[in-house]
Amino acid sequence: MKYIAFFLICFSLVADEVKMKDGSLLKGTITKIHKGTISLNTSYAGTVSISQSEVDSYSTDKEVNIKKADEQIIQEVVTPEKNKEILTLWAEGDDPDVFKEMWNRKVWFAFRSTDGNSDERNINIGFDFSYLREFSTLRIYGKWSDEEDNDRQTTDEWLAGVDYEQRFNDSRNSWYTRAEYERDKIDDIKLAQTYAAGYGYYFIDEAPTTLRGRVGLQYRIDDYYEDEDTDSIGLDFGLNFKTDLSESIKWFTDITYTPAFDEPADDYKIKHESGISMPLDTAWDMYLKAGVEHDYNSRPSEGKKHLDTEYFLRLEVQF
């Protein structure tokens, strides 16, 4: 029994410590201190983010990378006496103050075919490429869907878009511009074009959670196969939310609402997508993505429904 007690005492000593101003003591591994936030990896709550304004002192039991106010980088064990000298800290990897430009590429597909009493064929393919810089993001995306049920075409559509966002340096504010093109034969849409630009604000911007809102102006042109072509000017509202439900499961929600100026209560469109993403244990960087999409048009073409709903299960590859 005394050996177990000795082991527990020693184990409790081998840990980084964060002492709060209210007197509480948090133990774990300090992985990063950056922009006023301490990231502490714990065995009981995963990685937690702690505001430095609420911290009295902190220490590490191993050498970490430290950047001081003079931009000098050294490796040493942190003691409470050295806290005021530290500008940035990271346990491993690259300096978090140095942003690495990168591409984030995703492709996904879903295929289903049945023969017998019911003959069905569903093909869904999509891509999402993003170029990330320190204060800007360029996103190019698209998808194509083709579905048949007993030789009757139920879905024949494609969509492509580009979205550019520029943040005002290291702040929560940004401006954006986007363009989207869509064809949907089943809904009689020969080509729908949407152009928008406006202001964005990050209500939450602390890993792993982001909540971004957008408001701007949009111009839309709808060309139909049979109905009369239309165009409108209106508002562009958007809401994007992402967070980690666990170490492996991520949640996402994306909503856009575009009412026309002339009749905002009667002429508008709403698009919504929500779901979860889970990694697969494979040699490739693959994810299983499941969720729901809603596409609501307050003024559909004659004989068409207002709401399209799609439940999806996709295999996504990142590279």
Protein backbone atom coordinates (compact mmCIF):
# COMPACT_ATOMS: atom_id res chain seq x y z
CA MET A 1 0.00 0.00 0.00
CA LYS A 2 2.82 2.41 0.84
CA TYR A 3 4.31 1.83 -2.64
CA ILE A 4 1.01 2.77 -4.27
CA ALA A 5 0.83 5.94 -2.17
CA PHE A 6 4.42 6.77 -3.09
CA PHE A 7 3.63 6.24 -6.78
CA LEU A 8 0.58 8.52 -6.63
CA ILE A 9 2.56 11.23 -4.86
CA CYS A 10 5.32 11.06 -7.45
CA PHE A 11 2.80 11.06 -10.30
CA SER A 12 1.08 14.16 -8.94
CA LEU A 13 4.42 15.93 -8.83
CA VAL A 14 5.23 15.12 -12.47
CA ALA A 15 2.84 17.57 -14.11
CA ASP A 16 2.64 21.18 -15.21
CA GLU A 17 0.69 23.43 -12.88
CA VAL A 18 -1.51 26.47 -13.38
CA LYS A 19 -2.44 28.36 -10.22
CA MET A 20 -5.54 30.50 -10.57
CA LYS A 21 -6.16 33.83 -8.84
CA ASP A 22 -9.02 32.26 -6.89
CA GLY A 23 -6.53 29.80 -5.34
CA SER A 24 -7.48 26.70 -7.35
CA LEU A 25 -4.70 24.58 -8.85
CA LEU A 26 -4.96 22.91 -12.27
CA LYS A 27 -2.58 20.16 -13.31
CA GLY A 28 -1.81 18.67 -16.70
CA THR A 29 0.49 19.56 -19.59
CA ILE A 30 0.84 23.12 -20.84
CA THR A 31 0.95 22.71 -24.62
CA LYS A 32 0.85 26.38 -25.61
CA ILE A 33 0.62 29.93 -24.31
CA HIS A 34 -0.36 32.28 -27.11
CA LYS A 35 -2.18 35.61 -27.34
CA GLY A 36 -3.22 35.65 -23.69
CA THR A 37 -4.51 32.07 -23.55
CA ILE A 38 -2.99 29.02 -21.84
CA SER A 39 -3.79 25.64 -23.42
CA LEU A 40 -3.65 22.91 -20.75
CA ASN A 41 -4.05 19.26 -21.70
CA THR A 42 -5.67 17.36 -18.82
CA SER A 43 -6.60 13.71 -18.23
CA TYR A 44 -10.03 14.67 -16.88
CA ALA A 45 -11.32 17.32 -19.32
CA GLY A 46 -9.14 17.10 -22.43
CA THR A 47 -7.53 20.35 -23.55
CA VAL A 48 -8.87 23.43 -21.77
CA SER A 49 -8.25 27.07 -22.63
CA ILE A 50 -7.49 29.40 -19.73
CA SER A 51 -7.32 33.20 -19.92
CA GLN A 52 -4.00 34.49 -18.58
CA SER A 53 -5.84 37.36 -16.89
CA GLU A 54 -7.32 34.78 -14.47
CA VAL A 55 -3.97 33.07 -13.78
CA ASP A 56 -1.71 33.86 -10.82
CA SER A 57 1.26 31.73 -11.93
CA TYR A 58 2.21 28.62 -13.89
CA SER A 59 5.10 26.18 -14.17
CA THR A 60 6.28 23.19 -16.24
CA ASP A 61 8.16 20.07 -15.19
CA LYS A 62 9.99 19.74 -18.53
CA GLU A 63 11.81 22.01 -20.94
CA VAL A 64 9.56 23.87 -23.40
CA ASN A 65 10.09 26.48 -26.12
CA ILE A 66 9.89 30.02 -24.77
CA LYS A 67 9.85 33.32 -26.62
CA LYS A 68 10.60 36.41 -24.58
CA ALA A 69 9.66 40.02 -25.29
CA ASP A 70 12.95 40.54 -27.14
CA GLU A 71 11.89 37.73 -29.56
CA GLN A 72 14.66 35.46 -28.25
CA ILE A 73 13.69 31.77 -28.29
CA ILE A 74 15.11 29.38 -25.71
CA GLN A 75 14.29 25.96 -24.25
CA GLU A 76 14.01 25.67 -20.50
CA VAL A 77 11.81 24.63 -17.58
CA VAL A 78 9.34 27.33 -16.57
CA THR A 79 9.08 28.46 -12.96
CA PRO A 80 6.60 30.99 -11.52
CA GLU A 81 9.40 33.53 -11.21
CA LYS A 82 9.89 33.53 -15.00
CA ASN A 83 6.24 34.03 -15.95
CA LYS A 84 6.46 37.76 -16.58
CA GLU A 85 9.35 37.31 -19.02
CA ILE A 86 7.44 34.94 -21.31
CA LEU A 87 5.64 36.23 -24.40
CA THR A 88 4.82 32.88 -26.10
CA LEU A 89 5.29 29.24 -25.08
CA TRP A 90 4.87 25.98 -26.96
CA ALA A 91 5.77 22.44 -25.95
CA GLU A 92 6.49 21.10 -29.45
CA GLY A 93 6.14 21.95 -33.11
CA ASP A 94 6.59 25.35 -34.72
CA ASP A 95 6.38 28.85 -33.29
CA PRO A 96 2.61 29.64 -33.16
CA ASP A 97 3.37 33.29 -34.00
CA VAL A 98 4.66 32.20 -37.42
CA PHE A 99 1.67 31.38 -39.62
CA LYS A 100 2.23 28.79 -42.32
CA GLU A 101 0.33 29.33 -45.54
CA MET A 102 -1.30 26.11 -46.63
CA TRP A 103 -3.85 24.40 -48.83
CA ASN A 104 -6.64 22.37 -47.23
CA ARG A 105 -8.10 20.05 -49.88
CA LYS A 106 -11.13 17.79 -49.46
CA VAL A 107 -13.00 15.59 -51.91
CA TRP A 108 -16.01 13.47 -51.06
CA PHE A 109 -18.28 11.01 -52.77
CA ALA A 110 -21.34 8.88 -52.09
CA PHE A 111 -22.67 6.13 -54.35
CA ARG A 112 -25.63 3.79 -54.00
CA SER A 113 -27.20 1.39 -56.51
CA THR A 114 -30.00 -1.17 -56.10
CA ASP A 115 -31.57 -3.63 -58.55
CA GLY A 116 -34.70 -5.73 -58.19
CA ASN A 117 -38.14 -4.63 -57.12
CA SER A 118 -36.76 -1.10 -57.04
CA ASP A 119 -34.02 0.18 -59.34
CA GLU A 120 -32.15 3.12 -57.86
CA ARG A 121 -28.87 4.88 -58.62
CA ASN A 122 -27.47 7.75 -56.58
CA ILE A 123 -24.16 9.49 -57.29
CA ASN A 124 -22.91 12.47 -55.29
CA ILE A 125 -19.45 13.99 -55.77
CA GLY A 126 -18.00 17.16 -54.27
CA PHE A 127 -14.84 19.08 -53.46
CA ASP A 128 -13.78 21.88 -51.12
CA PHE A 129 -10.36 23.53 -51.55
CA SER A 130 -9.22 26.29 -49.17
CA TYR A 131 -6.02 28.33 -49.28
CA LEU A 132 -5.26 29.62 -45.78
CA ARG A 133 -3.11 32.65 -45.03
CA GLU A 134 -2.64 34.44 -41.73
CA PHE A 135 -5.49 36.91 -42.22
CA SER A 136 -7.28 35.66 -45.33
CA THR A 137 -8.93 32.54 -46.73
CA LEU A 138 -9.79 31.66 -50.33
CA ARG A 139 -12.31 28.82 -50.65
CA ILE A 140 -13.33 27.08 -53.90
CA TYR A 141 -16.03 24.44 -53.71
CA GLY A 142 -18.50 22.47 -55.79
CA LYS A 143 -20.73 19.40 -55.96
CA TRP A 144 -22.61 17.29 -58.50
CA SER A 145 -25.60 15.04 -57.81
CA ASP A 146 -27.33 12.59 -60.14
CA GLU A 147 -30.10 10.29 -58.88
CA GLU A 148 -32.60 7.97 -60.58
CA ASP A 149 -35.53 5.98 -59.19
CA ASN A 150 -37.02 3.33 -61.51
CA ASP A 151 -35.67 5.13 -64.59
CA ARG A 152 -37.13 8.42 -63.40
CA GLN A 153 -34.68 11.26 -62.85
CA THR A 154 -35.10 12.58 -59.30
CA THR A 155 -31.94 14.70 -58.99
CA ASP A 156 -29.80 16.36 -61.65
CA GLU A 157 -27.90 19.35 -60.30
CA TRP A 158 -24.48 20.90 -59.87
CA LEU A 159 -23.23 23.80 -57.79
CA ALA A 160 -19.90 25.69 -57.80
CA GLY A 161 -18.72 28.66 -55.77
CA VAL A 162 -15.84 30.78 -54.59
CA ASP A 163 -15.58 32.59 -51.24
CA TYR A 164 -12.87 35.05 -50.19
CA GLU A 165 -12.50 36.48 -46.67
CA GLN A 166 -9.98 39.07 -45.46
CA ARG A 167 -9.65 39.77 -41.74
CA PHE A 168 -8.58 43.16 -40.39
CA ASN A 169 -5.23 41.97 -39.06
CA ASP A 170 -5.46 40.19 -35.70
CA SER A 171 -9.07 41.13 -34.95
CA ARG A 172 -12.53 39.52 -35.04
CA ASN A 173 -13.62 41.74 -37.95
CA SER A 174 -13.44 40.86 -41.65
CA TRP A 175 -14.84 41.60 -45.07
CA TYR A 176 -15.89 38.99 -47.61
CA THR A 177 -17.03 38.47 -51.16
CA ARG A 178 -18.55 35.35 -52.67
CA ALA A 179 -20.03 34.06 -55.92
CA GLU A 180 -22.10 30.93 -56.45
CA TYR A 181 -23.47 29.23 -59.56
CA GLU A 182 -26.10 26.48 -59.62
CA ARG A 183 -28.07 24.40 -62.09
CA ASP A 184 -30.98 22.16 -61.07
CA LYS A 185 -32.99 20.57 -63.90
CA ILE A 186 -35.55 19.03 -61.55
CA ASP A 187 -36.35 22.47 -60.07
CA ASP A 188 -36.32 24.07 -63.56
CA ILE A 189 -33.23 26.17 -62.76
CA LYS A 190 -31.08 26.57 -65.88
CA LEU A 191 -28.53 28.77 -64.10
CA ALA A 192 -28.77 30.62 -60.79
CA GLN A 193 -26.04 33.19 -60.12
CA THR A 194 -25.46 34.82 -56.73
CA TYR A 195 -22.90 37.57 -56.03
CA ALA A 196 -22.46 38.94 -52.51
CA ALA A 197 -20.09 41.07 -50.45
CA GLY A 198 -20.16 42.44 -46.92
CA TYR A 199 -18.90 42.44 -43.33
CA GLY A 200 -18.08 39.48 -41.09
CA TYR A 201 -17.54 39.16 -37.34
CA TYR A 202 -16.20 36.25 -35.25
CA PHE A 203 -18.28 36.04 -32.08
CA ILE A 204 -16.19 33.04 -30.93
CA ASP A 205 -12.67 32.50 -32.23
CA GLU A 206 -10.91 30.20 -29.80
CA ALA A 207 -9.87 26.69 -30.85
CA PRO A 208 -11.63 24.37 -31.27
CA THR A 209 -14.77 26.56 -31.57
CA THR A 210 -15.57 29.29 -34.10
CA LEU A 211 -18.83 31.19 -34.55
CA ARG A 212 -18.86 33.68 -37.42
CA GLY A 213 -21.66 35.95 -38.57
CA ARG A 214 -21.96 37.81 -41.87
CA VAL A 215 -24.15 40.59 -43.26
CA GLY A 216 -23.88 42.13 -46.70
CA LEU A 217 -25.56 42.83 -50.05
CA GLN A 218 -26.29 40.28 -52.75
CA TYR A 219 -27.36 40.29 -56.40
CA ARG A 220 -29.08 37.18 -57.79
CA ILE A 221 -29.97 36.18 -61.37
CA ASP A 222 -32.25 33.19 -61.99
CA ASP A 223 -32.50 31.74 -65.51
CA TYR A 224 -35.19 29.07 -65.88
CA TYR A 225 -35.82 26.44 -68.53
CA GLU A 226 -39.55 27.23 -68.73
CA ASP A 227 -40.43 30.09 -66.37
CA GLU A 228 -39.58 33.75 -66.93
CA ASP A 229 -36.07 34.76 -65.90
CA THR A 230 -35.75 36.98 -62.81
CA ASP A 231 -33.15 39.04 -60.99
CA SER A 232 -33.12 40.72 -57.57
CA ILE A 233 -31.01 42.76 -55.17
CA GLY A 234 -31.16 41.99 -51.46
CA LEU A 235 -29.40 41.27 -48.21
CA ASP A 236 -26.96 38.47 -47.52
CA PHE A 237 -26.92 36.96 -44.00
CA GLY A 238 -24.71 34.07 -42.96
CA LEU A 239 -23.88 32.08 -39.84
CA ASN A 240 -21.10 29.50 -39.57
CA PHE A 241 -20.41 27.38 -36.47
CA LYS A 242 -17.75 24.72 -35.88
CA THR A 243 -16.65 22.91 -32.73
CA ASP A 244 -15.21 19.63 -31.45
CA LEU A 245 -17.71 17.42 -29.65
CA SER A 246 -14.82 15.14 -28.67
CA GLU A 247 -11.25 14.47 -29.72
CA SER A 248 -12.48 12.70 -32.85
CA ILE A 249 -15.98 14.05 -33.59
CA LYS A 250 -16.48 17.53 -35.06
CA TRP A 251 -19.78 19.40 -35.44
CA PHE A 252 -20.52 21.96 -38.18
CA THR A 253 -23.46 24.22 -39.09
CA ASP A 254 -23.68 26.65 -42.01
CA ILE A 255 -26.74 28.87 -42.71
CA THR A 256 -27.35 31.56 -45.35
CA TYR A 257 -30.48 33.74 -45.61
CA THR A 258 -30.93 36.01 -48.64
CA PRO A 259 -34.11 38.15 -48.71
CA ALA A 260 -34.82 40.47 -51.67
CA PHE A 261 -35.16 44.19 -51.04
CA ASP A 262 -38.46 44.68 -52.84
CA GLU A 263 -40.40 41.99 -50.94
CA PRO A 264 -38.20 40.59 -48.14
CA ALA A 265 -41.08 38.77 -46.45
CA ASP A 266 -42.14 36.95 -49.63
CA ASP A 267 -38.99 36.66 -51.75
CA TYR A 268 -36.09 34.94 -50.00
CA LYS A 269 -33.93 31.82 -49.96
CA ILE A 270 -32.52 29.86 -47.01
CA LYS A 271 -29.76 27.25 -47.16
CA HIS A 272 -28.77 25.17 -44.17
CA GLU A 273 -26.28 22.35 -43.58
CA SER A 274 -25.48 20.63 -40.27
CA GLY A 275 -23.70 17.44 -39.39
CA ILE A 276 -20.79 15.65 -37.80
CA SER A 277 -17.41 14.50 -39.12
CA MET A 278 -15.56 11.46 -37.77
CA PRO A 279 -12.05 10.25 -38.75
CA LEU A 280 -11.54 6.70 -40.01
CA ASP A 281 -8.59 4.55 -38.97
CA THR A 282 -7.06 4.13 -42.44
CA ALA A 283 -3.76 4.81 -44.17
CA TRP A 284 -5.47 7.72 -45.97
CA ASP A 285 -6.70 10.85 -44.21
CA MET A 286 -10.37 9.87 -44.49
CA TYR A 287 -13.51 11.00 -42.67
CA LEU A 288 -17.11 9.87 -42.46
CA LYS A 289 -19.48 12.81 -42.72
CA ALA A 290 -23.18 12.61 -41.85
CA GLY A 291 -25.82 15.30 -41.68
CA VAL A 292 -28.72 17.11 -43.33
CA GLU A 293 -29.10 19.87 -45.94
CA HIS A 294 -32.11 22.14 -46.42
CA ASP A 295 -32.69 24.38 -49.45
CA TYR A 296 -35.78 26.61 -49.13
CA ASN A 297 -37.04 28.86 -51.91
CA SER A 298 -40.03 31.08 -51.06
CA ARG A 299 -40.78 31.46 -54.78
CA PRO A 300 -40.10 28.16 -56.55
CA SER A 301 -40.88 27.68 -60.21
CA GLU A 302 -44.44 26.60 -61.05
CA GLY A 303 -45.34 23.15 -59.78
CA LYS A 304 -42.19 22.81 -57.64
CA LYS A 305 -41.94 22.51 -53.86
CA HIS A 306 -40.54 25.21 -51.58
CA LEU A 307 -38.20 22.92 -49.60
CA ASP A 308 -35.59 20.38 -50.67
CA THR A 309 -34.19 18.21 -47.86
CA GLU A 310 -31.23 15.85 -48.21
CA TYR A 311 -29.88 13.48 -45.58
CA PHE A 312 -26.34 12.50 -46.43
CA LEU A 313 -23.63 10.02 -45.47
CA ARG A 314 -20.36 10.77 -47.25
CA LEU A 315 -16.82 9.49 -47.37
CA GLU A 316 -14.42 12.44 -47.36
CA VAL A 317 -10.71 12.36 -48.23
CA GLN A 318 -8.31 15.15 -47.19
CA PHE A 319 -4.93 15.73 -48.85
